Protein backbone atom coordinates (compact mmCIF):
# COMPACT_ATOMS: atom_id res chain seq x y z
CA MET A 1 174.87 225.17 3.89
CA THR A 2 176.02 228.66 3.17
CA THR A 3 174.36 228.56 -0.27
CA THR A 4 171.60 226.63 -1.99
CA PRO A 5 172.41 223.52 -4.03
CA ALA A 6 171.30 225.33 -7.21
CA ALA A 7 173.57 228.31 -6.44
CA LEU A 8 176.46 225.93 -5.75
CA ALA A 9 175.86 224.26 -9.12
CA ASP A 10 175.90 227.71 -10.73
CA GLN A 11 179.31 228.40 -9.13
CA TYR A 12 180.58 225.00 -10.23
CA PHE A 13 179.66 225.55 -13.87
CA ALA A 14 180.94 229.14 -13.70
CA MET A 15 184.31 227.69 -12.64
CA TRP A 16 184.43 225.45 -15.71
CA ASN A 17 183.33 228.20 -18.07
CA GLU A 18 185.36 231.16 -16.74
CA ALA A 19 188.18 232.16 -19.10
CA ASP A 20 189.75 234.76 -16.79
CA ALA A 21 192.20 233.00 -14.44
CA ASP A 22 191.80 235.52 -11.59
CA ARG A 23 188.02 235.37 -11.68
CA ARG A 24 188.14 231.56 -11.87
CA ALA A 25 190.39 231.49 -8.78
CA GLU A 26 187.80 233.59 -6.90
CA ILE A 27 185.04 231.17 -7.91
CA ILE A 28 187.09 228.17 -6.79
CA ALA A 29 187.88 229.80 -3.44
CA ALA A 30 184.20 230.58 -2.87
CA ALA A 31 182.82 227.18 -3.88
CA TRP A 32 185.49 224.61 -2.94
CA SER A 33 187.13 223.55 0.32
CA THR A 34 190.89 224.12 0.22
CA ASP A 35 191.56 220.39 -0.05
CA GLY A 36 188.71 219.71 -2.48
CA VAL A 37 189.04 216.69 -4.77
CA PHE A 38 187.75 216.13 -8.30
CA VAL A 39 187.86 212.70 -9.93
CA ASP A 40 186.35 211.42 -13.17
CA PRO A 41 187.63 209.13 -15.94
CA SER A 42 189.74 211.99 -17.39
CA PHE A 43 191.04 213.83 -14.31
CA GLU A 44 192.04 213.30 -10.70
CA VAL A 45 193.10 216.48 -8.93
CA SER A 46 193.04 218.03 -5.48
CA GLY A 47 193.32 221.50 -4.02
CA HIS A 48 192.64 224.85 -5.62
CA GLU A 49 195.80 224.74 -7.76
CA GLY A 50 194.90 221.30 -9.11
CA LEU A 51 191.38 222.48 -9.94
CA THR A 52 192.77 225.52 -11.74
CA LYS A 53 195.10 223.40 -13.87
CA MET A 54 192.29 220.94 -14.66
CA VAL A 55 189.99 223.69 -15.94
CA GLU A 56 192.81 225.22 -17.99
CA THR A 57 193.41 221.81 -19.57
CA ALA A 58 189.71 221.43 -20.37
CA HIS A 59 189.73 224.87 -22.04
CA GLN A 60 192.67 223.78 -24.18
CA MET A 61 191.02 220.47 -25.08
CA PHE A 62 187.63 222.01 -25.91
CA PRO A 63 188.09 225.62 -27.04
CA GLY A 64 184.84 227.47 -27.55
CA HIS A 65 182.83 224.92 -25.54
CA SER A 66 181.00 225.45 -22.28
CA PHE A 67 179.45 223.28 -19.61
CA SER A 68 175.76 223.57 -18.78
CA LEU A 69 173.43 222.01 -16.27
CA THR A 70 170.87 219.57 -17.60
CA GLY A 71 167.91 218.70 -15.40
CA GLU A 72 167.50 219.40 -11.73
CA VAL A 73 170.00 219.72 -8.91
CA GLU A 74 169.22 217.15 -6.22
CA GLN A 75 170.41 217.05 -2.61
CA HIS A 76 170.19 214.84 0.41
CA HIS A 77 172.29 215.15 3.54
CA ASP A 78 175.75 216.41 2.51
CA ARG A 79 175.44 215.11 -1.07
CA VAL A 80 174.38 216.89 -4.24
CA ARG A 81 173.93 215.50 -7.74
CA TRP A 82 173.64 217.20 -11.10
CA SER A 83 173.99 216.29 -14.75
CA TRP A 84 175.64 218.34 -17.46
CA HIS A 85 176.55 218.70 -21.12
CA LEU A 86 179.61 220.19 -22.81
CA ALA A 87 178.88 221.92 -26.11
CA ALA A 88 179.87 224.78 -28.37
CA ALA A 89 177.17 227.43 -28.82
CA GLY A 90 174.42 226.20 -31.11
CA GLN A 91 175.98 222.73 -31.45
CA GLN A 92 175.13 219.28 -30.14
CA PRO A 93 176.95 218.29 -26.94
CA VAL A 94 180.28 216.52 -27.32
CA ALA A 95 180.23 215.18 -23.76
CA GLY A 96 177.81 214.70 -20.91
CA GLY A 97 177.61 213.10 -17.53
CA THR A 98 176.56 213.23 -13.91
CA ASP A 99 178.52 214.49 -10.91
CA VAL A 100 178.01 213.37 -7.33
CA VAL A 101 179.21 216.07 -4.96
CA SER A 102 180.12 215.81 -1.27
CA LEU A 103 179.95 218.97 0.80
CA ASP A 104 181.98 220.05 3.81
CA ALA A 105 180.45 221.47 7.00
CA ASP A 106 180.42 224.97 5.47
CA GLY A 107 178.52 223.82 2.38
CA LYS A 108 181.57 224.03 0.10
CA ILE A 109 182.50 221.31 -2.35
CA ARG A 110 184.73 218.73 -0.70
CA GLU A 111 184.66 216.13 -3.48
CA VAL A 112 183.22 215.65 -6.95
CA VAL A 113 183.01 212.18 -8.45
CA GLY A 114 182.07 212.48 -12.11
CA PHE A 115 180.56 209.83 -14.34
CA LEU A 116 180.63 210.28 -18.11
CA ASP A 117 177.61 209.28 -20.16
CA PHE A 118 179.45 210.10 -23.41
CA ALA A 119 182.67 211.84 -24.32
CA PRO A 120 185.19 211.95 -27.16
CA ALA A 121 188.29 209.82 -26.90
CA HIS A 122 191.37 211.78 -25.88
């Protein structure tokens, strides 16, 4: 891996929370393989452009909210797992779940499969 699992998780959550499109594109390029895939009950996208549009949609759906890591980042082989919450500052989370991440040979994110523990209907 070119980075630690914890640092990769930091980049992942920075992607979700970054409001500046140019900075977010830099984060995606650094953390994700070019053909990276994200799939959860709400989204299924691939590639850097698809990731960008997904995050923009999440910002529109949940203005003023941010994603944060809950618990530890775990890794074995080319897999990483982390759990998260989505909340506005000082508020209870409105969503939470666990992501299982597959890494490419360079340690970049190749695929994220997300499972929601709770989320608002949309």
